[in-house]
PDB file of N, CA and C in Angstrom:
ATOM      1  N   UNK A   1     -50.695 -33.980 105.589  1.00  0.00           N
ATOM      2  CA  UNK A   1     -51.527 -34.646 103.775  1.00  0.00           C
ATOM      3  C   UNK A   1     -50.840 -33.634 103.228  1.00  0.00           C
ATOM      4  N   UNK A   2     -51.067 -32.479 104.153  1.00  0.00           N
ATOM      5  CA  UNK A   2     -50.144 -31.229 102.767  1.00  0.00           C
ATOM      6  C   UNK A   2     -49.401 -30.836 102.336  1.00  0.00           C
ATOM      7  N   UNK A   3     -48.306 -31.291 103.592  1.00  0.00           N
ATOM      8  CA  UNK A   3     -46.521 -32.437 103.355  1.00  0.00           C
ATOM      9  C   UNK A   3     -46.625 -33.123 102.320  1.00  0.00           C
ATOM     10  N   UNK A   4     -47.030 -33.787 101.726  1.00  0.00           N
ATOM     11  CA  UNK A   4     -47.048 -35.506 101.555  1.00  0.00           C
ATOM     12  C   UNK A   4     -47.742 -34.930  99.512  1.00  0.00           C
ATOM     13  N   UNK A   5     -49.228 -34.544 100.122  1.00  0.00           N
ATOM     14  CA  UNK A   5     -49.543 -33.540  99.279  1.00  0.00           C
ATOM     15  C   UNK A   5     -47.857 -32.959  97.905  1.00  0.00           C
ATOM     16  N   UNK A   6     -47.593 -31.637  99.055  1.00  0.00           N
ATOM     17  CA  UNK A   6     -46.694 -30.621  98.059  1.00  0.00           C
ATOM     18  C   UNK A   6     -45.129 -31.942  98.187  1.00  0.00           C
ATOM     19  N   UNK A   7     -44.853 -32.753  98.370  1.00  0.00           N
ATOM     20  CA  UNK A   7     -43.495 -33.379  98.137  1.00  0.00           C
ATOM     21  C   UNK A   7     -44.015 -34.448  97.068  1.00  0.00           C
ATOM     22  N   UNK A   8     -45.140 -34.344  96.297  1.00  0.00           N
ATOM     23  CA  UNK A   8     -45.962 -35.763  95.289  1.00  0.00           C
ATOM     24  C   UNK A   8     -45.429 -34.997  93.982  1.00  0.00           C
ATOM     25  N   UNK A   9     -46.399 -33.118  94.399  1.00  0.00           N
ATOM     26  CA  UNK A   9     -46.598 -32.792  93.729  1.00  0.00           C
ATOM     27  C   UNK A   9     -45.031 -31.716  92.649  1.00  0.00           C
ATOM     28  N   UNK A  10     -44.399 -31.717  93.728  1.00  0.00           N
ATOM     29  CA  UNK A  10     -42.937 -31.717  93.568  1.00  0.00           C
ATOM     30  C   UNK A  10     -42.147 -32.324  92.471  1.00  0.00           C
ATOM     31  N   UNK A  11     -41.974 -33.125  93.527  1.00  0.00           N
ATOM     32  CA  UNK A  11     -41.244 -34.660  92.084  1.00  0.00           C
ATOM     33  C   UNK A  11     -41.946 -34.756  90.776  1.00  0.00           C
ATOM     34  N   UNK A  12     -43.744 -34.980  91.217  1.00  0.00           N
ATOM     35  CA  UNK A  12     -44.482 -34.493  89.871  1.00  0.00           C
ATOM     36  C   UNK A  12     -43.395 -33.546  88.527  1.00  0.00           C
ATOM     37  N   UNK A  13     -43.281 -32.527  89.379  1.00  0.00           N
ATOM     38  CA  UNK A  13     -42.813 -31.396  88.072  1.00  0.00           C
ATOM     39  C   UNK A  13     -41.635 -32.139  87.918  1.00  0.00           C
ATOM     40  N   UNK A  14     -41.016 -32.377  89.320  1.00  0.00           N
ATOM     41  CA  UNK A  14     -39.005 -32.412  88.157  1.00  0.00           C
ATOM     42  C   UNK A  14     -39.675 -33.442  87.629  1.00  0.00           C
ATOM     43  N   UNK A  15     -39.110 -34.493  87.433  1.00  0.00           N
ATOM     44  CA  UNK A  15     -40.724 -35.893  86.831  1.00  0.00           C
ATOM     45  C   UNK A  15     -40.654 -34.812  85.662  1.00  0.00           C
ATOM     46  N   UNK A  16     -41.843 -34.452  85.369  1.00  0.00           N
ATOM     47  CA  UNK A  16     -41.708 -33.264  84.535  1.00  0.00           C
ATOM     48  C   UNK A  16     -40.529 -33.238  83.187  1.00  0.00           C
ATOM     49  N   UNK A  17     -39.733 -32.716  84.362  1.00  0.00           N
ATOM     50  CA  UNK A  17     -38.595 -31.740  83.977  1.00  0.00           C
ATOM     51  C   UNK A  17     -37.358 -32.423  83.336  1.00  0.00           C
ATOM     52  N   UNK A  18     -38.046 -33.552  83.634  1.00  0.00           N
ATOM     53  CA  UNK A  18     -36.220 -35.271  83.445  1.00  0.00           C
ATOM     54  C   UNK A  18     -37.100 -35.556  81.629  1.00  0.00           C
ATOM     55  N   UNK A  19     -38.194 -35.765  82.086  1.00  0.00           N
ATOM     56  CA  UNK A  19     -38.448 -36.406  80.556  1.00  0.00           C
ATOM     57  C   UNK A  19     -38.047 -35.193  79.112  1.00  0.00           C
ATOM     58  N   UNK A  20     -38.486 -33.473  80.104  1.00  0.00           N
ATOM     59  CA  UNK A  20     -37.884 -32.934  78.679  1.00  0.00           C
ATOM     60  C   UNK A  20     -36.666 -32.643  78.136  1.00  0.00           C
ATOM     61  N   UNK A  21     -36.029 -33.857  78.900  1.00  0.00           N
ATOM     62  CA  UNK A  21     -34.497 -33.409  78.764  1.00  0.00           C
ATOM     63  C   UNK A  21     -34.467 -34.633  78.324  1.00  0.00           C
ATOM     64  N   UNK A  22     -35.076 -35.787  78.491  1.00  0.00           N
ATOM     65  CA  UNK A  22     -34.782 -37.721  78.285  1.00  0.00           C
ATOM     66  C   UNK A  22     -35.297 -37.477  78.239  1.00  0.00           C
ATOM     67  N   UNK A  23     -36.621 -38.207  77.128  1.00  0.00           N
ATOM     68  CA  UNK A  23     -38.442 -38.925  76.546  1.00  0.00           C
ATOM     69  C   UNK A  23     -37.911 -40.123  77.167  1.00  0.00           C
ATOM     70  N   UNK A  24     -38.535 -41.656  77.378  1.00  0.00           N
ATOM     71  CA  UNK A  24     -38.336 -41.975  76.883  1.00  0.00           C
ATOM     72  C   UNK A  24     -40.248 -42.860  77.383  1.00  0.00           C
ATOM     73  N   UNK A  25     -40.546 -44.161  76.767  1.00  0.00           N
ATOM     74  CA  UNK A  25     -42.493 -44.632  76.500  1.00  0.00           C
ATOM     75  C   UNK A  25     -41.927 -44.454  77.800  1.00  0.00           C
ATOM     76  N   UNK A  26     -41.459 -45.782  78.811  1.00  0.00           N
ATOM     77  CA  UNK A  26     -41.465 -46.321  79.975  1.00  0.00           C
ATOM     78  C   UNK A  26     -41.414 -44.968  80.738  1.00  0.00           C
ATOM     79  N   UNK A  27     -41.461 -43.787  81.281  1.00  0.00           N
ATOM     80  CA  UNK A  27     -40.435 -42.863  81.389  1.00  0.00           C
ATOM     81  C   UNK A  27     -41.993 -42.426  82.018  1.00  0.00           C
ATOM     82  N   UNK A  28     -43.386 -42.260  80.874  1.00  0.00           N
ATOM     83  CA  UNK A  28     -44.126 -41.887  80.559  1.00  0.00           C
ATOM     84  C   UNK A  28     -46.108 -42.525  81.792  1.00  0.00           C
ATOM     85  N   UNK A  29     -45.488 -43.657  81.524  1.00  0.00           N
ATOM     86  CA  UNK A  29     -46.559 -44.325  82.781  1.00  0.00           C
ATOM     87  C   UNK A  29     -46.414 -43.872  84.207  1.00  0.00           C
ATOM     88  N   UNK A  30     -44.982 -43.504  84.326  1.00  0.00           N
ATOM     89  CA  UNK A  30     -45.419 -43.050  86.437  1.00  0.00           C
ATOM     90  C   UNK A  30     -44.683 -41.238  86.109  1.00  0.00           C
ATOM     91  N   UNK A  31     -44.637 -41.015  84.997  1.00  0.00           N
ATOM     92  CA  UNK A  31     -45.205 -39.683  84.492  1.00  0.00           C
ATOM     93  C   UNK A  31     -46.503 -38.820  85.038  1.00  0.00           C
ATOM     94  N   UNK A  32     -47.674 -40.090  84.746  1.00  0.00           N
ATOM     95  CA  UNK A  32     -49.181 -40.116  84.738  1.00  0.00           C
ATOM     96  C   UNK A  32     -48.988 -40.732  85.333  1.00  0.00           C
ATOM     97  N   UNK A  33     -48.983 -41.641  86.332  1.00  0.00           N
ATOM     98  CA  UNK A  33     -49.603 -41.466  87.789  1.00  0.00           C
ATOM     99  C   UNK A  33     -49.162 -40.719  88.818  1.00  0.00           C
ATOM    100  N   UNK A  34     -47.374 -39.545  88.556  1.00  0.00           N
ATOM    101  CA  UNK A  34     -47.808 -39.216  89.733  1.00  0.00           C
ATOM    102  C   UNK A  34     -48.209 -37.542  89.316  1.00  0.00           C
ATOM    103  N   UNK A  35     -49.386 -37.238  87.875  1.00  0.00           N
ATOM    104  CA  UNK A  35     -49.597 -36.938  88.125  1.00  0.00           C
ATOM    105  C   UNK A  35     -51.809 -37.203  88.561  1.00  0.00           C
ATOM    106  N   UNK A  36     -51.610 -37.683  88.572  1.00  0.00           N
ATOM    107  CA  UNK A  36     -53.416 -38.941  89.541  1.00  0.00           C
ATOM    108  C   UNK A  36     -52.663 -38.119  90.452  1.00  0.00           C
ATOM    109  N   UNK A  37     -51.495 -38.580  91.215  1.00  0.00           N
ATOM    110  CA  UNK A  37     -52.002 -39.071  92.462  1.00  0.00           C
ATOM    111  C   UNK A  37     -51.686 -37.784  93.259  1.00  0.00           C
ATOM    112  N   UNK A  38     -50.801 -36.327  92.472  1.00  0.00           N
ATOM    113  CA  UNK A  38     -51.039 -35.297  92.913  1.00  0.00           C
ATOM    114  C   UNK A  38     -52.550 -35.097  93.484  1.00  0.00           C
ATOM    115  N   UNK A  39     -52.856 -34.550  91.834  1.00  0.00           N
ATOM    116  CA  UNK A  39     -54.789 -34.495  91.300  1.00  0.00           C
ATOM    117  C   UNK A  39     -55.560 -35.108  92.550  1.00  0.00           C
ATOM    118  N   UNK A  40     -55.005 -36.647  92.671  1.00  0.00           N
ATOM    119  CA  UNK A  40     -56.339 -37.044  93.907  1.00  0.00           C
ATOM    120  C   UNK A  40     -55.739 -36.235  95.387  1.00  0.00           C
ATOM    121  N   UNK A  41     -54.341 -35.870  95.902  1.00  0.00           N
ATOM    122  CA  UNK A  41     -53.783 -36.243  97.197  1.00  0.00           C
ATOM    123  C   UNK A  41     -54.694 -34.282  96.958  1.00  0.00           C
ATOM    124  N   UNK A  42     -54.297 -34.060  95.704  1.00  0.00           N
ATOM    125  CA  UNK A  42     -55.274 -32.112  96.168  1.00  0.00           C
ATOM    126  C   UNK A  42     -56.646 -32.167  95.857  1.00  0.00           C
ATOM    127  N   UNK A  43     -57.326 -32.989  95.728  1.00  0.00           N
ATOM    128  CA  UNK A  43     -58.600 -33.381  95.611  1.00  0.00           C
ATOM    129  C   UNK A  43     -58.588 -33.572  96.973  1.00  0.00           C
ATOM    130  N   UNK A  44     -58.494 -34.654  97.501  1.00  0.00           N
ATOM    131  CA  UNK A  44     -58.912 -35.001  99.524  1.00  0.00           C
ATOM    132  C   UNK A  44     -58.849 -33.468  99.797  1.00  0.00           C
ATOM    133  N   UNK A  45     -57.910 -32.415  99.443  1.00  0.00           N
ATOM    134  CA  UNK A  45     -57.169 -32.009 100.805  1.00  0.00           C
ATOM    135  C   UNK A  45     -58.271 -30.848 100.650  1.00  0.00           C
ATOM    136  N   UNK A  46     -58.894 -30.283  98.593  1.00  0.00           N
ATOM    137  CA  UNK A  46     -59.322 -29.655  98.501  1.00  0.00           C
ATOM    138  C   UNK A  46     -61.249 -29.874  99.962  1.00  0.00           C
ATOM    139  N   UNK A  47     -62.084 -31.374  99.663  1.00  0.00           N
ATOM    140  CA  UNK A  47     -62.709 -32.208 100.570  1.00  0.00           C
ATOM    141  C   UNK A  47     -62.207 -31.240 101.126  1.00  0.00           C
ATOM    142  N   UNK A  48     -61.394 -31.905 102.278  1.00  0.00           N
ATOM    143  CA  UNK A  48     -60.990 -31.688 103.985  1.00  0.00           C
ATOM    144  C   UNK A  48     -60.955 -30.187 104.112  1.00  0.00           C
ATOM    145  N   UNK A  49     -60.464 -29.619 102.963  1.00  0.00           N
ATOM    146  CA  UNK A  49     -61.087 -28.233 103.459  1.00  0.00           C
ATOM    147  C   UNK A  49     -61.072 -27.271 102.440  1.00  0.00           C
ATOM    148  N   UNK A  50     -63.014 -26.639 102.636  1.00  0.00           N
ATOM    149  CA  UNK A  50     -62.981 -26.724 101.593  1.00  0.00           C
ATOM    150  C   UNK A  50     -63.136 -24.111 101.444  1.00  0.00           C
ATOM    151  N   UNK A  51     -62.016 -24.086 102.624  1.00  0.00           N
ATOM    152  CA  UNK A  51     -62.374 -22.513 102.860  1.00  0.00           C
ATOM    153  C   UNK A  51     -61.066 -22.113 101.952  1.00  0.00           C
ATOM    154  N   UNK A  52     -60.448 -22.731 101.639  1.00  0.00           N
ATOM    155  CA  UNK A  52     -59.333 -22.119 100.575  1.00  0.00           C
ATOM    156  C   UNK A  52     -59.430 -22.671  99.046  1.00  0.00           C
ATOM    157  N   UNK A  53     -61.041 -22.936  98.568  1.00  0.00           N
ATOM    158  CA  UNK A  53     -61.084 -23.243  98.027  1.00  0.00           C
ATOM    159  C   UNK A  53     -60.452 -22.817  96.124  1.00  0.00           C
ATOM    160  N   UNK A  54     -60.795 -21.473  95.806  1.00  0.00           N
ATOM    161  CA  UNK A  54     -59.711 -20.492  95.740  1.00  0.00           C
ATOM    162  C   UNK A  54     -58.108 -20.632  94.827  1.00  0.00           C
ATOM    163  N   UNK A  55     -57.336 -20.493  96.607  1.00  0.00           N
ATOM    164  CA  UNK A  55     -56.377 -20.619  96.472  1.00  0.00           C
ATOM    165  C   UNK A  55     -56.050 -22.232  95.856  1.00  0.00           C
ATOM    166  N   UNK A  56     -56.099 -23.174  96.692  1.00  0.00           N
ATOM    167  CA  UNK A  56     -56.609 -24.895  96.119  1.00  0.00           C
ATOM    168  C   UNK A  56     -56.122 -24.300  94.013  1.00  0.00           C
ATOM    169  N   UNK A  57     -57.759 -24.342  93.847  1.00  0.00           N
ATOM    170  CA  UNK A  57     -58.106 -24.821  91.880  1.00  0.00           C
ATOM    171  C   UNK A  57     -57.312 -23.472  91.757  1.00  0.00           C
ATOM    172  N   UNK A  58     -56.363 -22.470  92.074  1.00  0.00           N
ATOM    173  CA  UNK A  58     -55.232 -21.569  90.387  1.00  0.00           C
ATOM    174  C   UNK A  58     -53.981 -22.904  91.016  1.00  0.00           C
ATOM    175  N   UNK A  59     -53.838 -23.013  92.237  1.00  0.00           N
ATOM    176  CA  UNK A  59     -52.755 -23.372  91.839  1.00  0.00           C
ATOM    177  C   UNK A  59     -52.936 -25.593  91.166  1.00  0.00           C
ATOM    178  N   UNK A  60     -54.090 -25.579  91.385  1.00  0.00           N
ATOM    179  CA  UNK A  60     -54.157 -26.418  90.819  1.00  0.00           C
ATOM    180  C   UNK A  60     -53.506 -26.550  89.646  1.00  0.00           C
ATOM    181  N   UNK A  61     -54.506 -25.437  88.658  1.00  0.00           N
ATOM    182  CA  UNK A  61     -54.548 -25.648  87.277  1.00  0.00           C
ATOM    183  C   UNK A  61     -53.464 -25.045  86.752  1.00  0.00           C
ATOM    184  N   UNK A  62     -52.492 -24.183  87.493  1.00  0.00           N
ATOM    185  CA  UNK A  62     -51.397 -23.530  87.495  1.00  0.00           C
ATOM    186  C   UNK A  62     -50.310 -25.349  86.950  1.00  0.00           C
ATOM    187  N   UNK A  63     -50.213 -26.034  88.269  1.00  0.00           N
ATOM    188  CA  UNK A  63     -49.187 -27.592  88.209  1.00  0.00           C
ATOM    189  C   UNK A  63     -50.057 -27.587  87.139  1.00  0.00           C
ATOM    190  N   UNK A  64     -50.406 -27.989  87.009  1.00  0.00           N
ATOM    191  CA  UNK A  64     -51.889 -28.775  85.194  1.00  0.00           C
ATOM    192  C   UNK A  64     -51.351 -28.673  84.423  1.00  0.00           C
ATOM    193  N   UNK A  65     -51.504 -27.027  83.917  1.00  0.00           N
ATOM    194  CA  UNK A  65     -50.693 -25.928  83.121  1.00  0.00           C
ATOM    195  C   UNK A  65     -49.386 -26.760  83.195  1.00  0.00           C
ATOM    196  N   UNK A  66     -48.049 -26.365  83.656  1.00  0.00           N
ATOM    197  CA  UNK A  66     -46.929 -26.576  83.716  1.00  0.00           C
ATOM    198  C   UNK A  66     -46.685 -28.165  83.453  1.00  0.00           C
ATOM    199  N   UNK A  67     -47.510 -29.196  83.839  1.00  0.00           N
ATOM    200  CA  UNK A  67     -47.251 -30.976  83.343  1.00  0.00           C
ATOM    201  C   UNK A  67     -48.531 -31.005  82.907  1.00  0.00           C
ATOM    202  N   UNK A  68     -49.524 -30.337  82.120  1.00  0.00           N
ATOM    203  CA  UNK A  68     -49.185 -30.740  80.142  1.00  0.00           C
ATOM    204  C   UNK A  68     -48.395 -30.347  79.538  1.00  0.00           C
ATOM    205  N   UNK A  69     -48.253 -28.708  79.438  1.00  0.00           N
ATOM    206  CA  UNK A  69     -46.818 -28.240  78.324  1.00  0.00           C
ATOM    207  C   UNK A  69     -45.926 -29.081  78.026  1.00  0.00           C
ATOM    208  N   UNK A  70     -44.976 -29.147  79.594  1.00  0.00           N
ATOM    209  CA  UNK A  70     -44.044 -30.371  79.788  1.00  0.00           C
ATOM    210  C   UNK A  70     -44.298 -31.753  79.242  1.00  0.00           C
ATOM    211  N   UNK A  71     -45.384 -32.420  79.317  1.00  0.00           N
ATOM    212  CA  UNK A  71     -45.400 -33.971  78.787  1.00  0.00           C
ATOM    213  C   UNK A  71     -45.960 -33.453  77.356  1.00  0.00           C
ATOM    214  N   UNK A  72     -46.449 -32.840  76.885  1.00  0.00           N
ATOM    215  CA  UNK A  72     -46.708 -32.239  75.642  1.00  0.00           C
ATOM    216  C   UNK A  72     -45.492 -32.300  75.020  1.00  0.00           C
ATOM    217  N   UNK A  73     -44.464 -31.119  75.067  1.00  0.00           N
ATOM    218  CA  UNK A  73     -42.925 -30.409  74.530  1.00  0.00           C
ATOM    219  C   UNK A  73     -41.628 -32.608  74.930  1.00  0.00           C
ATOM    220  N   UNK A  74     -41.640 -33.136  75.774  1.00  0.00           N
ATOM    221  CA  UNK A  74     -41.490 -34.467  75.755  1.00  0.00           C
ATOM    222  C   UNK A  74     -41.793 -36.015  75.402  1.00  0.00           C
ATOM    223  N   UNK A  75     -43.171 -35.147  74.840  1.00  0.00           N
ATOM    224  CA  UNK A  75     -43.802 -36.692  73.818  1.00  0.00           C
ATOM    225  C   UNK A  75     -43.817 -36.058  72.117  1.00  0.00           C
ATOM    226  N   UNK A  76     -43.815 -34.716  72.085  1.00  0.00           N
ATOM    227  CA  UNK A  76     -43.258 -34.425  70.544  1.00  0.00           C
ATOM    228  C   UNK A  76     -41.335 -34.454  70.139  1.00  0.00           C
ATOM    229  N   UNK A  77     -41.276 -33.873  71.913  1.00  0.00           N
ATOM    230  CA  UNK A  77     -39.269 -34.428  71.659  1.00  0.00           C
ATOM    231  C   UNK A  77     -38.957 -36.409  70.647  1.00  0.00           C
ATOM    232  N   UNK A  78     -39.183 -37.163  71.809  1.00  0.00           N
ATOM    233  CA  UNK A  78     -39.896 -38.492  71.369  1.00  0.00           C
ATOM    234  C   UNK A  78     -39.802 -39.285  70.585  1.00  0.00           C
ATOM    235  N   UNK A  79     -41.566 -38.747  69.539  1.00  0.00           N
ATOM    236  CA  UNK A  79     -42.056 -38.946  67.949  1.00  0.00           C
ATOM    237  C   UNK A  79     -40.811 -37.858  67.295  1.00  0.00           C
ATOM    238  N   UNK A  80     -39.509 -37.338  67.674  1.00  0.00           N
ATOM    239  CA  UNK A  80     -38.996 -36.514  66.324  1.00  0.00           C
ATOM    240  C   UNK A  80     -37.547 -37.534  66.195  1.00  0.00           C
ATOM    241  N   UNK A  81     -37.443 -37.897  67.741  1.00  0.00           N
ATOM    242  CA  UNK A  81     -36.385 -39.085  68.154  1.00  0.00           C
ATOM    243  C   UNK A  81     -36.516 -40.312  67.608  1.00  0.00           C
ATOM    244  N   UNK A  82     -37.680 -41.077  67.881  1.00  0.00           N
ATOM    245  CA  UNK A  82     -38.378 -41.925  67.138  1.00  0.00           C
ATOM    246  C   UNK A  82     -38.718 -41.781  64.827  1.00  0.00           C
ATOM    247  N   UNK A  83     -38.613 -41.128  64.832  1.00  0.00           N
ATOM    248  CA  UNK A  83     -38.833 -40.352  63.576  1.00  0.00           C
ATOM    249  C   UNK A  83     -37.071 -40.424  62.913  1.00  0.00           C
ATOM    250  N   UNK A  84     -36.264 -39.893  63.250  1.00  0.00           N
ATOM    251  CA  UNK A  84     -34.423 -39.635  63.210  1.00  0.00           C
ATOM    252  C   UNK A  84     -34.637 -41.161  63.093  1.00  0.00           C
ATOM    253  N   UNK A  85     -34.444 -41.660  64.157  1.00  0.00           N
ATOM    254  CA  UNK A  85     -33.667 -43.373  64.062  1.00  0.00           C
ATOM    255  C   UNK A  85     -34.997 -44.066  63.148  1.00  0.00           C
ATOM    256  N   UNK A  86     -35.906 -43.606  62.757  1.00  0.00           N
ATOM    257  CA  UNK A  86     -36.509 -44.529  61.470  1.00  0.00           C
ATOM    258  C   UNK A  86     -35.422 -43.826  60.459  1.00  0.00           C
ATOM    259  N   UNK A  87     -34.864 -42.595  60.051  1.00  0.00           N
ATOM    260  CA  UNK A  87     -34.503 -42.240  58.824  1.00  0.00           C
ATOM    261  C   UNK A  87     -33.576 -42.507  58.943  1.00  0.00           C
ATOM    262  N   UNK A  88     -32.688 -43.811  59.433  1.00  0.00           N
ATOM    263  CA  UNK A  88     -31.474 -43.729  59.913  1.00  0.00           C
ATOM    264  C   UNK A  88     -31.975 -45.546  59.255  1.00  0.00           C
TER     265      UNK A  88
END
């Protein structure tokens, strides 16, 4: 289960990076799904093995911080592109 969680998290971070380069409105749904899957699998792992709670929570906060910042910048870039298209 740990490997699945790591794979989902890495795919999610890669997808967030891709959104920074080329954001589209349709791609945000898949991005949010990947975030939810990462958080859900991490929560399951935390419940299954509470001995590593501090490490798990620290890594989870770093992950959420990264994807939150990437999502915000991607959304801002998408809104700016939409505004530019409206002006033309």
